[in-house]
């Protein structure tokens, strides 16, 4: 077998990582995880939320979180601690 040489276009790759389409896709993924976590929760008052994507040096980052200072956030923290709800939601697990 011959050797293959691949040259990466880092500027193009970075442009894709920081594009509006990527930001929207990442935000939607975080919201889907939060929605699954809300369906999987064991504590009725728990509420999980998706945080919109934010620009970073490397690209965009969005969060599915238990929330902070929102109604149901403390219950979500306990629910996640007891049941790994966010982990199950992220990997598509079931109750």
PDB file of N, CA and C in Angstrom:
ATOM      1  N   UNK A   1       0.839  -1.185   0.000  1.00  0.00           N
ATOM      2  CA  UNK A   1       0.000   0.000   0.000  1.00  0.00           C
ATOM      3  C   UNK A   1       0.880   1.244   0.000  1.00  0.00           C
ATOM      4  N   UNK A   2       0.462   2.222  -0.788  1.00  0.00           N
ATOM      5  CA  UNK A   2       1.191   3.475  -0.836  1.00  0.00           C
ATOM      6  C   UNK A   2       0.781   4.392   0.307  1.00  0.00           C
ATOM      7  N   UNK A   3       1.645   5.341   0.580  1.00  0.00           N
ATOM      8  CA  UNK A   3       1.324   6.316   1.618  1.00  0.00           C
ATOM      9  C   UNK A   3       0.377   7.372   1.058  1.00  0.00           C
ATOM     10  N   UNK A   4      -0.558   7.766   1.876  1.00  0.00           N
ATOM     11  CA  UNK A   4      -1.483   8.833   1.503  1.00  0.00           C
ATOM     12  C   UNK A   4      -1.091  10.099   2.233  1.00  0.00           C
ATOM     13  N   UNK A   5      -1.225  11.203   1.546  1.00  0.00           N
ATOM     14  CA  UNK A   5      -0.921  12.492   2.161  1.00  0.00           C
ATOM     15  C   UNK A   5      -2.198  13.325   2.156  1.00  0.00           C
ATOM     16  N   UNK A   6      -2.603  13.764   3.317  1.00  0.00           N
ATOM     17  CA  UNK A   6      -3.811  14.568   3.449  1.00  0.00           C
ATOM     18  C   UNK A   6      -3.417  15.925   3.998  1.00  0.00           C
ATOM     19  N   UNK A   7      -3.854  16.961   3.324  1.00  0.00           N
ATOM     20  CA  UNK A   7      -3.599  18.313   3.802  1.00  0.00           C
ATOM     21  C   UNK A   7      -4.933  18.913   4.241  1.00  0.00           C
ATOM     22  N   UNK A   8      -5.013  19.296   5.495  1.00  0.00           N
ATOM     23  CA  UNK A   8      -6.253  19.845   6.042  1.00  0.00           C
ATOM     24  C   UNK A   8      -6.316  21.352   5.827  1.00  0.00           C
ATOM     25  N   UNK A   9      -7.512  21.831   5.561  1.00  0.00           N
ATOM     26  CA  UNK A   9      -7.764  23.254   5.406  1.00  0.00           C
ATOM     27  C   UNK A   9      -8.284  23.764   6.750  1.00  0.00           C
ATOM     28  N   UNK A  10      -7.372  24.167   7.632  1.00  0.00           N
ATOM     29  CA  UNK A  10      -7.759  24.572   8.980  1.00  0.00           C
ATOM     30  C   UNK A  10      -8.644  25.819   8.983  1.00  0.00           C
ATOM     31  N   UNK A  11      -8.379  26.762   8.100  1.00  0.00           N
ATOM     32  CA  UNK A  11      -9.209  27.974   8.058  1.00  0.00           C
ATOM     33  C   UNK A  11     -10.645  27.618   7.673  1.00  0.00           C
ATOM     34  N   UNK A  12     -10.803  26.729   6.707  1.00  0.00           N
ATOM     35  CA  UNK A  12     -12.139  26.294   6.305  1.00  0.00           C
ATOM     36  C   UNK A  12     -12.837  25.516   7.403  1.00  0.00           C
ATOM     37  N   UNK A  13     -12.082  24.644   8.069  1.00  0.00           N
ATOM     38  CA  UNK A  13     -12.650  23.862   9.164  1.00  0.00           C
ATOM     39  C   UNK A  13     -13.106  24.781  10.291  1.00  0.00           C
ATOM     40  N   UNK A  14     -12.304  25.788  10.629  1.00  0.00           N
ATOM     41  CA  UNK A  14     -12.679  26.721  11.689  1.00  0.00           C
ATOM     42  C   UNK A  14     -13.903  27.536  11.276  1.00  0.00           C
ATOM     43  N   UNK A  15     -13.996  27.906  10.015  1.00  0.00           N
ATOM     44  CA  UNK A  15     -15.161  28.661   9.541  1.00  0.00           C
ATOM     45  C   UNK A  15     -16.435  27.840   9.704  1.00  0.00           C
ATOM     46  N   UNK A  16     -16.353  26.540   9.428  1.00  0.00           N
ATOM     47  CA  UNK A  16     -17.520  25.664   9.611  1.00  0.00           C
ATOM     48  C   UNK A  16     -17.871  25.558  11.088  1.00  0.00           C
ATOM     49  N   UNK A  17     -16.864  25.365  11.945  1.00  0.00           N
ATOM     50  CA  UNK A  17     -17.127  25.217  13.382  1.00  0.00           C
ATOM     51  C   UNK A  17     -17.755  26.459  13.977  1.00  0.00           C
ATOM     52  N   UNK A  18     -17.493  27.630  13.405  1.00  0.00           N
ATOM     53  CA  UNK A  18     -17.998  28.871  13.973  1.00  0.00           C
ATOM     54  C   UNK A  18     -19.170  29.457  13.191  1.00  0.00           C
ATOM     55  N   UNK A  19     -19.725  28.706  12.256  1.00  0.00           N
ATOM     56  CA  UNK A  19     -20.810  29.224  11.417  1.00  0.00           C
ATOM     57  C   UNK A  19     -22.148  29.259  12.166  1.00  0.00           C
ATOM     58  N   UNK A  20     -23.059  30.031  11.631  1.00  0.00           N
ATOM     59  CA  UNK A  20     -24.397  30.116  12.208  1.00  0.00           C
ATOM     60  C   UNK A  20     -25.149  28.798  12.140  1.00  0.00           C
ATOM     61  N   UNK A  21     -24.939  28.041  11.058  1.00  0.00           N
ATOM     62  CA  UNK A  21     -25.593  26.738  10.923  1.00  0.00           C
ATOM     63  C   UNK A  21     -25.119  25.775  12.003  1.00  0.00           C
ATOM     64  N   UNK A  22     -23.822  25.810  12.276  1.00  0.00           N
ATOM     65  CA  UNK A  22     -23.275  24.948  13.326  1.00  0.00           C
ATOM     66  C   UNK A  22     -23.822  25.365  14.685  1.00  0.00           C
ATOM     67  N   UNK A  23     -23.875  26.671  14.922  1.00  0.00           N
ATOM     68  CA  UNK A  23     -24.415  27.175  16.192  1.00  0.00           C
ATOM     69  C   UNK A  23     -25.854  26.713  16.375  1.00  0.00           C
ATOM     70  N   UNK A  24     -26.652  26.787  15.329  1.00  0.00           N
ATOM     71  CA  UNK A  24     -28.051  26.358  15.410  1.00  0.00           C
ATOM     72  C   UNK A  24     -28.145  24.855  15.670  1.00  0.00           C
ATOM     73  N   UNK A  25     -27.331  24.058  14.988  1.00  0.00           N
ATOM     74  CA  UNK A  25     -27.361  22.603  15.170  1.00  0.00           C
ATOM     75  C   UNK A  25     -26.953  22.216  16.586  1.00  0.00           C
ATOM     76  N   UNK A  26     -25.950  22.891  17.125  1.00  0.00           N
ATOM     77  CA  UNK A  26     -25.487  22.592  18.482  1.00  0.00           C
ATOM     78  C   UNK A  26     -26.546  22.997  19.503  1.00  0.00           C
ATOM     79  N   UNK A  27     -27.187  24.139  19.304  1.00  0.00           N
ATOM     80  CA  UNK A  27     -28.266  24.573  20.196  1.00  0.00           C
ATOM     81  C   UNK A  27     -29.416  23.572  20.171  1.00  0.00           C
ATOM     82  N   UNK A  28     -29.799  23.111  18.985  1.00  0.00           N
ATOM     83  CA  UNK A  28     -30.881  22.134  18.868  1.00  0.00           C
ATOM     84  C   UNK A  28     -30.528  20.824  19.563  1.00  0.00           C
ATOM     85  N   UNK A  29     -29.277  20.403  19.462  1.00  0.00           N
ATOM     86  CA  UNK A  29     -28.850  19.168  20.130  1.00  0.00           C
ATOM     87  C   UNK A  29     -28.968  19.307  21.645  1.00  0.00           C
ATOM     88  N   UNK A  30     -28.557  20.450  22.195  1.00  0.00           N
ATOM     89  CA  UNK A  30     -28.663  20.671  23.638  1.00  0.00           C
ATOM     90  C   UNK A  30     -30.124  20.689  24.077  1.00  0.00           C
ATOM     91  N   UNK A  31     -30.989  21.310  23.280  1.00  0.00           N
ATOM     92  CA  UNK A  31     -32.413  21.351  23.618  1.00  0.00           C
ATOM     93  C   UNK A  31     -33.039  19.958  23.555  1.00  0.00           C
ATOM     94  N   UNK A  32     -32.626  19.142  22.598  1.00  0.00           N
ATOM     95  CA  UNK A  32     -33.137  17.774  22.505  1.00  0.00           C
ATOM     96  C   UNK A  32     -32.717  16.947  23.714  1.00  0.00           C
ATOM     97  N   UNK A  33     -31.486  17.118  24.160  1.00  0.00           N
ATOM     98  CA  UNK A  33     -31.018  16.400  25.353  1.00  0.00           C
ATOM     99  C   UNK A  33     -31.819  16.846  26.568  1.00  0.00           C
ATOM    100  N   UNK A  34     -32.037  18.161  26.716  1.00  0.00           N
ATOM    101  CA  UNK A  34     -32.822  18.671  27.843  1.00  0.00           C
ATOM    102  C   UNK A  34     -34.257  18.144  27.791  1.00  0.00           C
ATOM    103  N   UNK A  35     -34.849  18.086  26.603  1.00  0.00           N
ATOM    104  CA  UNK A  35     -36.213  17.549  26.465  1.00  0.00           C
ATOM    105  C   UNK A  35     -36.267  16.078  26.866  1.00  0.00           C
ATOM    106  N   UNK A  36     -35.273  15.292  26.434  1.00  0.00           N
ATOM    107  CA  UNK A  36     -35.238  13.874  26.827  1.00  0.00           C
ATOM    108  C   UNK A  36     -35.059  13.750  28.335  1.00  0.00           C
ATOM    109  N   UNK A  37     -34.213  14.593  28.921  1.00  0.00           N
ATOM    110  CA  UNK A  37     -34.007  14.553  30.373  1.00  0.00           C
ATOM    111  C   UNK A  37     -35.307  14.874  31.101  1.00  0.00           C
ATOM    112  N   UNK A  38     -36.087  15.827  30.591  1.00  0.00           N
ATOM    113  CA  UNK A  38     -37.372  16.155  31.217  1.00  0.00           C
ATOM    114  C   UNK A  38     -38.361  14.999  31.123  1.00  0.00           C
ATOM    115  N   UNK A  39     -38.252  14.185  30.079  1.00  0.00           N
ATOM    116  CA  UNK A  39     -39.117  13.005  29.981  1.00  0.00           C
ATOM    117  C   UNK A  39     -38.632  11.873  30.884  1.00  0.00           C
ATOM    118  N   UNK A  40     -37.324  11.800  31.126  1.00  0.00           N
ATOM    119  CA  UNK A  40     -36.749  10.719  31.929  1.00  0.00           C
ATOM    120  C   UNK A  40     -36.733  11.005  33.431  1.00  0.00           C
ATOM    121  N   UNK A  41     -36.937  12.250  33.819  1.00  0.00           N
ATOM    122  CA  UNK A  41     -36.782  12.637  35.224  1.00  0.00           C
ATOM    123  C   UNK A  41     -37.670  11.808  36.146  1.00  0.00           C
ATOM    124  N   UNK A  42     -37.182  11.592  37.357  1.00  0.00           N
ATOM    125  CA  UNK A  42     -37.927  10.850  38.382  1.00  0.00           C
ATOM    126  C   UNK A  42     -38.590  11.800  39.376  1.00  0.00           C
ATOM    127  N   UNK A  43     -38.033  12.983  39.544  1.00  0.00           N
ATOM    128  CA  UNK A  43     -38.615  13.986  40.443  1.00  0.00           C
ATOM    129  C   UNK A  43     -39.532  14.894  39.622  1.00  0.00           C
ATOM    130  N   UNK A  44     -40.773  14.967  40.020  1.00  0.00           N
ATOM    131  CA  UNK A  44     -41.778  15.713  39.265  1.00  0.00           C
ATOM    132  C   UNK A  44     -41.400  17.187  39.087  1.00  0.00           C
ATOM    133  N   UNK A  45     -40.841  17.814  40.119  1.00  0.00           N
ATOM    134  CA  UNK A  45     -40.546  19.246  40.062  1.00  0.00           C
ATOM    135  C   UNK A  45     -39.256  19.569  39.313  1.00  0.00           C
ATOM    136  N   UNK A  46     -38.482  18.558  38.963  1.00  0.00           N
ATOM    137  CA  UNK A  46     -37.209  18.796  38.268  1.00  0.00           C
ATOM    138  C   UNK A  46     -37.457  19.391  36.887  1.00  0.00           C
ATOM    139  N   UNK A  47     -36.589  20.315  36.492  1.00  0.00           N
ATOM    140  CA  UNK A  47     -36.684  20.894  35.151  1.00  0.00           C
ATOM    141  C   UNK A  47     -35.282  21.073  34.582  1.00  0.00           C
ATOM    142  N   UNK A  48     -35.058  20.460  33.421  1.00  0.00           N
ATOM    143  CA  UNK A  48     -33.787  20.580  32.710  1.00  0.00           C
ATOM    144  C   UNK A  48     -33.960  21.584  31.579  1.00  0.00           C
ATOM    145  N   UNK A  49     -32.892  22.292  31.244  1.00  0.00           N
ATOM    146  CA  UNK A  49     -32.975  23.327  30.218  1.00  0.00           C
ATOM    147  C   UNK A  49     -31.788  23.236  29.265  1.00  0.00           C
ATOM    148  N   UNK A  50     -32.023  23.641  28.035  1.00  0.00           N
ATOM    149  CA  UNK A  50     -30.950  23.768  27.056  1.00  0.00           C
ATOM    150  C   UNK A  50     -30.506  25.216  27.006  1.00  0.00           C
ATOM    151  N   UNK A  51     -29.200  25.437  27.066  1.00  0.00           N
ATOM    152  CA  UNK A  51     -28.644  26.787  26.993  1.00  0.00           C
ATOM    153  C   UNK A  51     -28.171  27.012  25.556  1.00  0.00           C
ATOM    154  N   UNK A  52     -28.556  28.117  24.924  1.00  0.00           N
ATOM    155  CA  UNK A  52     -28.147  28.364  23.539  1.00  0.00           C
ATOM    156  C   UNK A  52     -26.627  28.353  23.370  1.00  0.00           C
ATOM    157  N   UNK A  53     -26.204  27.998  22.171  1.00  0.00           N
ATOM    158  CA  UNK A  53     -24.778  27.909  21.859  1.00  0.00           C
ATOM    159  C   UNK A  53     -24.097  29.262  22.022  1.00  0.00           C
ATOM    160  N   UNK A  54     -22.854  29.198  22.505  1.00  0.00           N
ATOM    161  CA  UNK A  54     -22.027  30.384  22.671  1.00  0.00           C
ATOM    162  C   UNK A  54     -20.737  30.190  21.884  1.00  0.00           C
ATOM    163  N   UNK A  55     -20.217  31.272  21.363  1.00  0.00           N
ATOM    164  CA  UNK A  55     -18.976  31.230  20.603  1.00  0.00           C
ATOM    165  C   UNK A  55     -17.783  31.069  21.545  1.00  0.00           C
ATOM    166  N   UNK A  56     -16.873  30.170  21.201  1.00  0.00           N
ATOM    167  CA  UNK A  56     -15.607  30.022  21.917  1.00  0.00           C
ATOM    168  C   UNK A  56     -14.481  30.133  20.901  1.00  0.00           C
ATOM    169  N   UNK A  57     -13.268  30.108  21.374  1.00  0.00           N
ATOM    170  CA  UNK A  57     -12.113  30.181  20.480  1.00  0.00           C
ATOM    171  C   UNK A  57     -12.084  28.993  19.515  1.00  0.00           C
ATOM    172  N   UNK A  58     -12.495  27.825  19.989  1.00  0.00           N
ATOM    173  CA  UNK A  58     -12.446  26.614  19.176  1.00  0.00           C
ATOM    174  C   UNK A  58     -13.682  26.417  18.298  1.00  0.00           C
ATOM    175  N   UNK A  59     -14.796  26.992  18.658  1.00  0.00           N
ATOM    176  CA  UNK A  59     -16.046  26.794  17.927  1.00  0.00           C
ATOM    177  C   UNK A  59     -17.218  27.254  18.771  1.00  0.00           C
ATOM    178  N   UNK A  60     -18.289  26.467  18.773  1.00  0.00           N
ATOM    179  CA  UNK A  60     -19.463  26.808  19.568  1.00  0.00           C
ATOM    180  C   UNK A  60     -19.740  25.712  20.588  1.00  0.00           C
ATOM    181  N   UNK A  61     -20.307  26.116  21.731  1.00  0.00           N
ATOM    182  CA  UNK A  61     -20.624  25.195  22.816  1.00  0.00           C
ATOM    183  C   UNK A  61     -22.024  25.516  23.318  1.00  0.00           C
ATOM    184  N   UNK A  62     -22.843  24.484  23.513  1.00  0.00           N
ATOM    185  CA  UNK A  62     -24.167  24.638  24.114  1.00  0.00           C
ATOM    186  C   UNK A  62     -24.277  23.635  25.251  1.00  0.00           C
ATOM    187  N   UNK A  63     -25.170  23.894  26.188  1.00  0.00           N
ATOM    188  CA  UNK A  63     -25.308  23.037  27.361  1.00  0.00           C
ATOM    189  C   UNK A  63     -26.731  22.538  27.529  1.00  0.00           C
ATOM    190  N   UNK A  64     -26.843  21.310  27.997  1.00  0.00           N
ATOM    191  CA  UNK A  64     -28.089  20.803  28.561  1.00  0.00           C
ATOM    192  C   UNK A  64     -27.800  20.754  30.055  1.00  0.00           C
ATOM    193  N   UNK A  65     -28.566  21.478  30.842  1.00  0.00           N
ATOM    194  CA  UNK A  65     -28.195  21.697  32.238  1.00  0.00           C
ATOM    195  C   UNK A  65     -29.370  21.557  33.191  1.00  0.00           C
ATOM    196  N   UNK A  66     -29.026  21.435  34.473  1.00  0.00           N
ATOM    197  CA  UNK A  66     -30.039  21.414  35.518  1.00  0.00           C
ATOM    198  C   UNK A  66     -30.550  22.817  35.797  1.00  0.00           C
ATOM    199  N   UNK A  67     -29.918  23.814  35.226  1.00  0.00           N
ATOM    200  CA  UNK A  67     -30.343  25.193  35.409  1.00  0.00           C
ATOM    201  C   UNK A  67     -29.734  25.796  36.662  1.00  0.00           C
ATOM    202  N   UNK A  68     -29.793  27.090  36.740  1.00  0.00           N
ATOM    203  CA  UNK A  68     -29.275  27.809  37.898  1.00  0.00           C
ATOM    204  C   UNK A  68     -30.282  28.881  38.272  1.00  0.00           C
ATOM    205  N   UNK A  69     -30.724  28.839  39.498  1.00  0.00           N
ATOM    206  CA  UNK A  69     -31.650  29.835  40.036  1.00  0.00           C
ATOM    207  C   UNK A  69     -32.968  29.874  39.266  1.00  0.00           C
ATOM    208  N   UNK A  70     -33.351  28.768  38.675  1.00  0.00           N
ATOM    209  CA  UNK A  70     -34.630  28.672  37.985  1.00  0.00           C
ATOM    210  C   UNK A  70     -35.530  27.730  38.770  1.00  0.00           C
ATOM    211  N   UNK A  71     -36.849  27.871  38.645  1.00  0.00           N
ATOM    212  CA  UNK A  71     -37.737  26.919  39.321  1.00  0.00           C
ATOM    213  C   UNK A  71     -37.432  25.496  38.859  1.00  0.00           C
ATOM    214  N   UNK A  72     -37.282  24.603  39.800  1.00  0.00           N
ATOM    215  CA  UNK A  72     -37.007  23.210  39.482  1.00  0.00           C
ATOM    216  C   UNK A  72     -35.546  22.860  39.336  1.00  0.00           C
ATOM    217  N   UNK A  73     -34.652  23.854  39.436  1.00  0.00           N
ATOM    218  CA  UNK A  73     -33.238  23.556  39.220  1.00  0.00           C
ATOM    219  C   UNK A  73     -32.645  22.718  40.346  1.00  0.00           C
ATOM    220  N   UNK A  74     -33.025  22.989  41.581  1.00  0.00           N
ATOM    221  CA  UNK A  74     -32.496  22.194  42.697  1.00  0.00           C
ATOM    222  C   UNK A  74     -33.013  20.760  42.600  1.00  0.00           C
ATOM    223  N   UNK A  75     -34.291  20.600  42.277  1.00  0.00           N
ATOM    224  CA  UNK A  75     -34.831  19.251  42.090  1.00  0.00           C
ATOM    225  C   UNK A  75     -34.127  18.543  40.935  1.00  0.00           C
ATOM    226  N   UNK A  76     -33.812  19.278  39.877  1.00  0.00           N
ATOM    227  CA  UNK A  76     -33.098  18.678  38.747  1.00  0.00           C
ATOM    228  C   UNK A  76     -31.693  18.256  39.159  1.00  0.00           C
ATOM    229  N   UNK A  77     -31.037  19.050  39.994  1.00  0.00           N
ATOM    230  CA  UNK A  77     -29.700  18.682  40.474  1.00  0.00           C
ATOM    231  C   UNK A  77     -29.745  17.372  41.250  1.00  0.00           C
ATOM    232  N   UNK A  78     -30.718  17.244  42.148  1.00  0.00           N
ATOM    233  CA  UNK A  78     -30.854  16.000  42.915  1.00  0.00           C
ATOM    234  C   UNK A  78     -31.257  14.843  42.007  1.00  0.00           C
ATOM    235  N   UNK A  79     -32.185  15.098  41.087  1.00  0.00           N
ATOM    236  CA  UNK A  79     -32.623  14.060  40.162  1.00  0.00           C
ATOM    237  C   UNK A  79     -31.445  13.554  39.329  1.00  0.00           C
ATOM    238  N   UNK A  80     -30.639  14.466  38.830  1.00  0.00           N
ATOM    239  CA  UNK A  80     -29.485  14.080  38.023  1.00  0.00           C
ATOM    240  C   UNK A  80     -28.459  13.316  38.856  1.00  0.00           C
ATOM    241  N   UNK A  81     -28.242  13.752  40.098  1.00  0.00           N
ATOM    242  CA  UNK A  81     -27.293  13.067  40.980  1.00  0.00           C
ATOM    243  C   UNK A  81     -27.751  11.641  41.272  1.00  0.00           C
ATOM    244  N   UNK A  82     -29.034  11.474  41.530  1.00  0.00           N
ATOM    245  CA  UNK A  82     -29.561  10.159  41.910  1.00  0.00           C
ATOM    246  C   UNK A  82     -29.727   9.214  40.721  1.00  0.00           C
ATOM    247  N   UNK A  83     -30.006   9.752  39.535  1.00  0.00           N
ATOM    248  CA  UNK A  83     -30.398   8.902  38.406  1.00  0.00           C
ATOM    249  C   UNK A  83     -29.558   9.057  37.142  1.00  0.00           C
ATOM    250  N   UNK A  84     -28.550   9.930  37.164  1.00  0.00           N
ATOM    251  CA  UNK A  84     -27.746  10.200  35.957  1.00  0.00           C
ATOM    252  C   UNK A  84     -28.641  10.558  34.773  1.00  0.00           C
ATOM    253  N   UNK A  85     -29.620  11.402  35.018  1.00  0.00           N
ATOM    254  CA  UNK A  85     -30.625  11.716  34.011  1.00  0.00           C
ATOM    255  C   UNK A  85     -30.022  12.364  32.769  1.00  0.00           C
ATOM    256  N   UNK A  86     -29.122  13.336  32.946  1.00  0.00           N
ATOM    257  CA  UNK A  86     -28.531  13.990  31.785  1.00  0.00           C
ATOM    258  C   UNK A  86     -27.672  13.026  30.975  1.00  0.00           C
ATOM    259  N   UNK A  87     -26.950  12.154  31.644  1.00  0.00           N
ATOM    260  CA  UNK A  87     -26.142  11.160  30.936  1.00  0.00           C
ATOM    261  C   UNK A  87     -27.030  10.241  30.108  1.00  0.00           C
ATOM    262  N   UNK A  88     -28.103   9.751  30.719  1.00  0.00           N
ATOM    263  CA  UNK A  88     -29.035   8.872  30.001  1.00  0.00           C
ATOM    264  C   UNK A  88     -29.668   9.602  28.821  1.00  0.00           C
ATOM    265  N   UNK A  89     -30.009  10.870  29.017  1.00  0.00           N
ATOM    266  CA  UNK A  89     -30.613  11.646  27.935  1.00  0.00           C
ATOM    267  C   UNK A  89     -29.614  11.885  26.805  1.00  0.00           C
ATOM    268  N   UNK A  90     -28.359  12.100  27.154  1.00  0.00           N
ATOM    269  CA  UNK A  90     -27.342  12.381  26.139  1.00  0.00           C
ATOM    270  C   UNK A  90     -27.025  11.164  25.285  1.00  0.00           C
ATOM    271  N   UNK A  91     -27.050   9.981  25.892  1.00  0.00           N
ATOM    272  CA  UNK A  91     -26.713   8.765  25.141  1.00  0.00           C
ATOM    273  C   UNK A  91     -27.961   8.030  24.663  1.00  0.00           C
ATOM    274  N   UNK A  92     -29.132   8.615  24.896  1.00  0.00           N
ATOM    275  CA  UNK A  92     -30.371   8.004  24.419  1.00  0.00           C
ATOM    276  C   UNK A  92     -30.876   6.872  25.286  1.00  0.00           C
ATOM    277  N   UNK A  93     -30.496   6.863  26.565  1.00  0.00           N
ATOM    278  CA  UNK A  93     -30.947   5.814  27.474  1.00  0.00           C
ATOM    279  C   UNK A  93     -32.412   5.940  27.825  1.00  0.00           C
ATOM    280  N   UNK A  94     -32.917   4.929  28.489  1.00  0.00           N
ATOM    281  CA  UNK A  94     -34.316   4.925  28.914  1.00  0.00           C
ATOM    282  C   UNK A  94     -34.367   4.848  30.421  1.00  0.00           C
ATOM    283  N   UNK A  95     -35.573   4.960  30.938  1.00  0.00           N
ATOM    284  CA  UNK A  95     -35.752   4.888  32.384  1.00  0.00           C
ATOM    285  C   UNK A  95     -35.396   3.509  32.826  1.00  0.00           C
TER     286      UNK A  95
END
